[in-house]
PDB file of N, CA and C in Angstrom:
ATOM      1  N   MET A   1     102.716  86.450  30.194  1.00  0.00           N
ATOM      2  CA  MET A   1     104.116  86.433  29.811  1.00  0.00           C
ATOM      3  C   MET A   1     104.704  85.060  30.126  1.00  0.00           C
ATOM      4  N   THR A   2     105.517  84.574  29.244  1.00  0.00           N
ATOM      5  CA  THR A   2     106.149  83.270  29.425  1.00  0.00           C
ATOM      6  C   THR A   2     107.165  83.337  30.558  1.00  0.00           C
ATOM      7  N   THR A   3     107.096  82.386  31.473  1.00  0.00           N
ATOM      8  CA  THR A   3     108.044  82.359  32.579  1.00  0.00           C
ATOM      9  C   THR A   3     109.287  81.548  32.245  1.00  0.00           C
ATOM     10  N   HIS A   4     109.176  80.673  31.254  1.00  0.00           N
ATOM     11  CA  HIS A   4     110.349  79.899  30.854  1.00  0.00           C
ATOM     12  C   HIS A   4     110.198  79.449  29.401  1.00  0.00           C
ATOM     13  N   TYR A   5     111.314  79.042  28.828  1.00  0.00           N
ATOM     14  CA  TYR A   5     111.367  78.507  27.467  1.00  0.00           C
ATOM     15  C   TYR A   5     111.927  77.095  27.555  1.00  0.00           C
ATOM     16  N   VAL A   6     111.434  76.203  26.729  1.00  0.00           N
ATOM     17  CA  VAL A   6     111.952  74.835  26.692  1.00  0.00           C
ATOM     18  C   VAL A   6     113.182  74.822  25.790  1.00  0.00           C
ATOM     19  N   ALA A   7     114.292  74.327  26.315  1.00  0.00           N
ATOM     20  CA  ALA A   7     115.535  74.217  25.543  1.00  0.00           C
ATOM     21  C   ALA A   7     115.565  72.843  24.873  1.00  0.00           C
ATOM     22  N   THR A   8     115.792  72.815  23.562  1.00  0.00           N
ATOM     23  CA  THR A   8     115.788  71.558  22.811  1.00  0.00           C
ATOM     24  C   THR A   8     117.000  71.487  21.890  1.00  0.00           C
ATOM     25  N   VAL A   9     117.277  70.293  21.422  1.00  0.00           N
ATOM     26  CA  VAL A   9     118.262  70.081  20.360  1.00  0.00           C
ATOM     27  C   VAL A   9     117.563  69.311  19.241  1.00  0.00           C
ATOM     28  N   PRO A  10     117.824  69.680  17.978  1.00  0.00           N
ATOM     29  CA  PRO A  10     117.209  68.941  16.875  1.00  0.00           C
ATOM     30  C   PRO A  10     117.889  67.587  16.684  1.00  0.00           C
ATOM     31  N   VAL A  11     117.077  66.558  16.470  1.00  0.00           N
ATOM     32  CA  VAL A  11     117.581  65.205  16.227  1.00  0.00           C
ATOM     33  C   VAL A  11     116.962  64.711  14.923  1.00  0.00           C
ATOM     34  N   LYS A  12     117.797  64.430  13.926  1.00  0.00           N
ATOM     35  CA  LYS A  12     117.301  63.932  12.632  1.00  0.00           C
ATOM     36  C   LYS A  12     117.171  62.415  12.689  1.00  0.00           C
ATOM     37  N   PHE A  13     116.115  61.899  12.026  1.00  0.00           N
ATOM     38  CA  PHE A  13     115.899  60.455  11.955  1.00  0.00           C
ATOM     39  C   PHE A  13     115.162  60.136  10.660  1.00  0.00           C
ATOM     40  N   THR A  14     115.175  58.876  10.274  1.00  0.00           N
ATOM     41  CA  THR A  14     114.460  58.417   9.084  1.00  0.00           C
ATOM     42  C   THR A  14     113.212  57.675   9.538  1.00  0.00           C
ATOM     43  N   ASP A  15     112.047  58.113   9.034  1.00  0.00           N
ATOM     44  CA  ASP A  15     110.789  57.489   9.445  1.00  0.00           C
ATOM     45  C   ASP A  15     110.546  56.197   8.655  1.00  0.00           C
ATOM     46  N   ALA A  16     109.424  55.549   8.915  1.00  0.00           N
ATOM     47  CA  ALA A  16     109.094  54.265   8.300  1.00  0.00           C
ATOM     48  C   ALA A  16     108.966  54.352   6.784  1.00  0.00           C
ATOM     49  N   GLU A  17     108.626  55.539   6.257  1.00  0.00           N
ATOM     50  CA  GLU A  17     108.507  55.728   4.806  1.00  0.00           C
ATOM     51  C   GLU A  17     109.831  56.135   4.164  1.00  0.00           C
ATOM     52  N   GLY A  18     110.903  56.185   4.930  1.00  0.00           N
ATOM     53  CA  GLY A  18     112.213  56.527   4.393  1.00  0.00           C
ATOM     54  C   GLY A  18     112.495  58.025   4.324  1.00  0.00           C
ATOM     55  N   GLU A  19     111.606  58.864   4.873  1.00  0.00           N
ATOM     56  CA  GLU A  19     111.820  60.311   4.870  1.00  0.00           C
ATOM     57  C   GLU A  19     112.661  60.722   6.064  1.00  0.00           C
ATOM     58  N   VAL A  20     113.596  61.644   5.823  1.00  0.00           N
ATOM     59  CA  VAL A  20     114.389  62.190   6.915  1.00  0.00           C
ATOM     60  C   VAL A  20     113.551  63.271   7.593  1.00  0.00           C
ATOM     61  N   ARG A  21     113.366  63.117   8.887  1.00  0.00           N
ATOM     62  CA  ARG A  21     112.560  64.060   9.660  1.00  0.00           C
ATOM     63  C   ARG A  21     113.388  64.566  10.837  1.00  0.00           C
ATOM     64  N   THR A  22     112.873  65.579  11.504  1.00  0.00           N
ATOM     65  CA  THR A  22     113.549  66.142  12.665  1.00  0.00           C
ATOM     66  C   THR A  22     112.586  66.165  13.838  1.00  0.00           C
ATOM     67  N   ARG A  23     113.060  65.707  14.978  1.00  0.00           N
ATOM     68  CA  ARG A  23     112.301  65.858  16.218  1.00  0.00           C
ATOM     69  C   ARG A  23     113.159  66.706  17.153  1.00  0.00           C
ATOM     70  N   PHE A  24     112.551  67.269  18.158  1.00  0.00           N
ATOM     71  CA  PHE A  24     113.268  68.145  19.076  1.00  0.00           C
ATOM     72  C   PHE A  24     113.272  67.520  20.461  1.00  0.00           C
ATOM     73  N   GLN A  25     114.465  67.179  20.938  1.00  0.00           N
ATOM     74  CA  GLN A  25     114.651  66.536  22.232  1.00  0.00           C
ATOM     75  C   GLN A  25     114.880  67.600  23.300  1.00  0.00           C
ATOM     76  N   ARG A  26     114.075  67.576  24.339  1.00  0.00           N
ATOM     77  CA  ARG A  26     114.236  68.535  25.434  1.00  0.00           C
ATOM     78  C   ARG A  26     115.558  68.276  26.151  1.00  0.00           C
ATOM     79  N   VAL A  27     116.304  69.341  26.435  1.00  0.00           N
ATOM     80  CA  VAL A  27     117.555  69.220  27.184  1.00  0.00           C
ATOM     81  C   VAL A  27     117.570  70.107  28.426  1.00  0.00           C
ATOM     82  N   GLY A  28     116.537  70.946  28.580  1.00  0.00           N
ATOM     83  CA  GLY A  28     116.491  71.809  29.761  1.00  0.00           C
ATOM     84  C   GLY A  28     115.449  72.899  29.601  1.00  0.00           C
ATOM     85  N   ALA A  29     115.605  73.951  30.406  1.00  0.00           N
ATOM     86  CA  ALA A  29     114.688  75.085  30.362  1.00  0.00           C
ATOM     87  C   ALA A  29     115.465  76.375  30.593  1.00  0.00           C
ATOM     88  N   MET A  30     115.028  77.460  29.927  1.00  0.00           N
ATOM     89  CA  MET A  30     115.658  78.762  30.082  1.00  0.00           C
ATOM     90  C   MET A  30     114.668  79.691  30.779  1.00  0.00           C
ATOM     91  N   PHE A  31     115.155  80.412  31.777  1.00  0.00           N
ATOM     92  CA  PHE A  31     114.317  81.310  32.558  1.00  0.00           C
ATOM     93  C   PHE A  31     114.797  82.747  32.412  1.00  0.00           C
ATOM     94  N   ARG A  32     113.837  83.677  32.300  1.00  0.00           N
ATOM     95  CA  ARG A  32     114.140  85.108  32.254  1.00  0.00           C
ATOM     96  C   ARG A  32     114.146  85.621  33.692  1.00  0.00           C
ATOM     97  N   ASN A  33     115.183  86.387  34.048  1.00  0.00           N
ATOM     98  CA  ASN A  33     115.321  86.931  35.391  1.00  0.00           C
ATOM     99  C   ASN A  33     115.579  88.431  35.314  1.00  0.00           C
ATOM    100  N   THR A  34     115.324  89.126  36.403  1.00  0.00           N
ATOM    101  CA  THR A  34     115.613  90.550  36.491  1.00  0.00           C
ATOM    102  C   THR A  34     116.493  90.790  37.711  1.00  0.00           C
ATOM    103  N   ARG A  35     117.584  91.475  37.499  1.00  0.00           N
ATOM    104  CA  ARG A  35     118.508  91.801  38.578  1.00  0.00           C
ATOM    105  C   ARG A  35     117.845  92.833  39.490  1.00  0.00           C
ATOM    106  N   THR A  36     117.847  92.595  40.798  1.00  0.00           N
ATOM    107  CA  THR A  36     117.152  93.488  41.724  1.00  0.00           C
ATOM    108  C   THR A  36     117.820  94.850  41.853  1.00  0.00           C
ATOM    109  N   GLY A  37     119.118  94.920  41.759  1.00  0.00           N
ATOM    110  CA  GLY A  37     119.822  96.191  41.940  1.00  0.00           C
ATOM    111  C   GLY A  37     119.509  97.232  40.885  1.00  0.00           C
ATOM    112  N   ASP A  38     119.648  96.854  39.604  1.00  0.00           N
ATOM    113  CA  ASP A  38     119.465  97.844  38.532  1.00  0.00           C
ATOM    114  C   ASP A  38     118.364  97.476  37.536  1.00  0.00           C
ATOM    115  N   GLY A  39     117.710  96.342  37.725  1.00  0.00           N
ATOM    116  CA  GLY A  39     116.594  95.966  36.868  1.00  0.00           C
ATOM    117  C   GLY A  39     116.969  95.388  35.518  1.00  0.00           C
ATOM    118  N   THR A  40     118.261  95.121  35.276  1.00  0.00           N
ATOM    119  CA  THR A  40     118.651  94.542  34.002  1.00  0.00           C
ATOM    120  C   THR A  40     118.190  93.088  33.923  1.00  0.00           C
ATOM    121  N   GLU A  41     117.906  92.652  32.699  1.00  0.00           N
ATOM    122  CA  GLU A  41     117.451  91.285  32.470  1.00  0.00           C
ATOM    123  C   GLU A  41     118.622  90.362  32.202  1.00  0.00           C
ATOM    124  N   PHE A  42     118.478  89.121  32.625  1.00  0.00           N
ATOM    125  CA  PHE A  42     119.418  88.079  32.247  1.00  0.00           C
ATOM    126  C   PHE A  42     118.654  86.769  32.183  1.00  0.00           C
ATOM    127  N   PHE A  43     119.250  85.753  31.590  1.00  0.00           N
ATOM    128  CA  PHE A  43     118.619  84.455  31.429  1.00  0.00           C
ATOM    129  C   PHE A  43     119.469  83.392  32.102  1.00  0.00           C
ATOM    130  N   SER A  44     118.816  82.383  32.642  1.00  0.00           N
ATOM    131  CA  SER A  44     119.557  81.227  33.156  1.00  0.00           C
ATOM    132  C   SER A  44     119.028  79.991  32.439  1.00  0.00           C
ATOM    133  N   LEU A  45     119.955  79.124  32.060  1.00  0.00           N
ATOM    134  CA  LEU A  45     119.624  77.890  31.358  1.00  0.00           C
ATOM    135  C   LEU A  45     119.931  76.734  32.286  1.00  0.00           C
ATOM    136  N   LYS A  46     118.908  75.984  32.661  1.00  0.00           N
ATOM    137  CA  LYS A  46     119.092  74.823  33.530  1.00  0.00           C
ATOM    138  C   LYS A  46     118.975  73.569  32.675  1.00  0.00           C
ATOM    139  N   LEU A  47     120.046  72.783  32.657  1.00  0.00           N
ATOM    140  CA  LEU A  47     120.089  71.573  31.840  1.00  0.00           C
ATOM    141  C   LEU A  47     119.507  70.390  32.600  1.00  0.00           C
ATOM    142  N   ASP A  48     118.887  69.462  31.865  1.00  0.00           N
ATOM    143  CA  ASP A  48     118.305  68.261  32.458  1.00  0.00           C
ATOM    144  C   ASP A  48     119.353  67.204  32.784  1.00  0.00           C
ATOM    145  N   PHE A  49     120.580  67.426  32.381  1.00  0.00           N
ATOM    146  CA  PHE A  49     121.633  66.436  32.575  1.00  0.00           C
ATOM    147  C   PHE A  49     122.931  67.170  32.908  1.00  0.00           C
ATOM    148  N   ALA A  50     123.817  66.482  33.545  1.00  0.00           N
ATOM    149  CA  ALA A  50     125.095  67.103  33.910  1.00  0.00           C
ATOM    150  C   ALA A  50     126.082  67.018  32.753  1.00  0.00           C
ATOM    151  N   VAL A  51     126.705  68.128  32.453  1.00  0.00           N
ATOM    152  CA  VAL A  51     127.815  68.154  31.491  1.00  0.00           C
ATOM    153  C   VAL A  51     129.010  68.507  32.350  1.00  0.00           C
ATOM    154  N   ALA A  52     129.607  69.657  32.160  1.00  0.00           N
ATOM    155  CA  ALA A  52     130.629  70.137  33.078  1.00  0.00           C
ATOM    156  C   ALA A  52     129.957  70.986  34.153  1.00  0.00           C
ATOM    157  N   VAL A  53     128.845  71.604  33.764  1.00  0.00           N
ATOM    158  CA  VAL A  53     128.039  72.407  34.685  1.00  0.00           C
ATOM    159  C   VAL A  53     126.577  72.083  34.423  1.00  0.00           C
ATOM    160  N   GLN A  54     125.706  72.439  35.324  1.00  0.00           N
ATOM    161  CA  GLN A  54     124.288  72.193  35.113  1.00  0.00           C
ATOM    162  C   GLN A  54     123.511  73.466  34.841  1.00  0.00           C
ATOM    163  N   GLU A  55     124.152  74.623  34.986  1.00  0.00           N
ATOM    164  CA  GLU A  55     123.445  75.876  34.753  1.00  0.00           C
ATOM    165  C   GLU A  55     124.353  76.847  34.018  1.00  0.00           C
ATOM    166  N   LEU A  56     123.801  77.496  32.997  1.00  0.00           N
ATOM    167  CA  LEU A  56     124.483  78.558  32.275  1.00  0.00           C
ATOM    168  C   LEU A  56     123.663  79.816  32.461  1.00  0.00           C
ATOM    169  N   VAL A  57     124.321  80.957  32.607  1.00  0.00           N
ATOM    170  CA  VAL A  57     123.621  82.228  32.777  1.00  0.00           C
ATOM    171  C   VAL A  57     124.043  83.145  31.639  1.00  0.00           C
ATOM    172  N   MET A  58     123.052  83.715  30.921  1.00  0.00           N
ATOM    173  CA  MET A  58     123.320  84.573  29.778  1.00  0.00           C
ATOM    174  C   MET A  58     122.989  86.014  30.121  1.00  0.00           C
ATOM    175  N   PHE A  59     123.911  86.924  29.764  1.00  0.00           N
ATOM    176  CA  PHE A  59     123.713  88.354  29.947  1.00  0.00           C
ATOM    177  C   PHE A  59     123.824  89.037  28.596  1.00  0.00           C
ATOM    178  N   PRO A  60     123.202  90.191  28.416  1.00  0.00           N
ATOM    179  CA  PRO A  60     123.402  90.929  27.172  1.00  0.00           C
ATOM    180  C   PRO A  60     124.859  91.362  27.082  1.00  0.00           C
ATOM    181  N   PRO A  61     125.389  91.567  25.870  1.00  0.00           N
ATOM    182  CA  PRO A  61     126.793  91.976  25.730  1.00  0.00           C
ATOM    183  C   PRO A  61     127.030  93.319  26.418  1.00  0.00           C
ATOM    184  N   SER A  62     128.167  93.435  27.080  1.00  0.00           N
ATOM    185  CA  SER A  62     128.510  94.716  27.701  1.00  0.00           C
ATOM    186  C   SER A  62     129.251  95.569  26.675  1.00  0.00           C
ATOM    187  N   SER A  63     129.392  96.830  26.966  1.00  0.00           N
ATOM    188  CA  SER A  63     130.074  97.733  26.033  1.00  0.00           C
ATOM    189  C   SER A  63     131.564  97.418  25.959  1.00  0.00           C
ATOM    190  N   LYS A  64     132.087  96.632  26.914  1.00  0.00           N
ATOM    191  CA  LYS A  64     133.504  96.255  26.922  1.00  0.00           C
ATOM    192  C   LYS A  64     133.817  95.103  25.970  1.00  0.00           C
ATOM    193  N   GLU A  65     132.775  94.313  25.595  1.00  0.00           N
ATOM    194  CA  GLU A  65     132.984  93.143  24.738  1.00  0.00           C
ATOM    195  C   GLU A  65     132.908  93.545  23.272  1.00  0.00           C
ATOM    196  N   PRO A  66     133.758  92.977  22.418  1.00  0.00           N
ATOM    197  CA  PRO A  66     133.657  93.263  20.986  1.00  0.00           C
ATOM    198  C   PRO A  66     132.362  92.713  20.406  1.00  0.00           C
ATOM    199  N   GLN A  67     131.740  93.443  19.522  1.00  0.00           N
ATOM    200  CA  GLN A  67     130.479  93.020  18.895  1.00  0.00           C
ATOM    201  C   GLN A  67     130.764  92.306  17.588  1.00  0.00           C
ATOM    202  N   ASP A  68     130.021  91.224  17.312  1.00  0.00           N
ATOM    203  CA  ASP A  68     130.161  90.483  16.045  1.00  0.00           C
ATOM    204  C   ASP A  68     129.254  91.072  14.997  1.00  0.00           C
TER     205      ASP A  68
END
């Protein structure tokens, strides 16, 4: 099982032959975690650079949040 995912952003560029190509620049890593109390899963995203924060944590939508 994968312990982490590489977080990337697509960057478009023009190669030597004049073709527009895309490369993926690493910006951090995402980790899958399990809450010890109830066993629910959540993810944490650790960025390689400082923005306003260096870590984001993602949870599945709760029943209180409106669904898109």
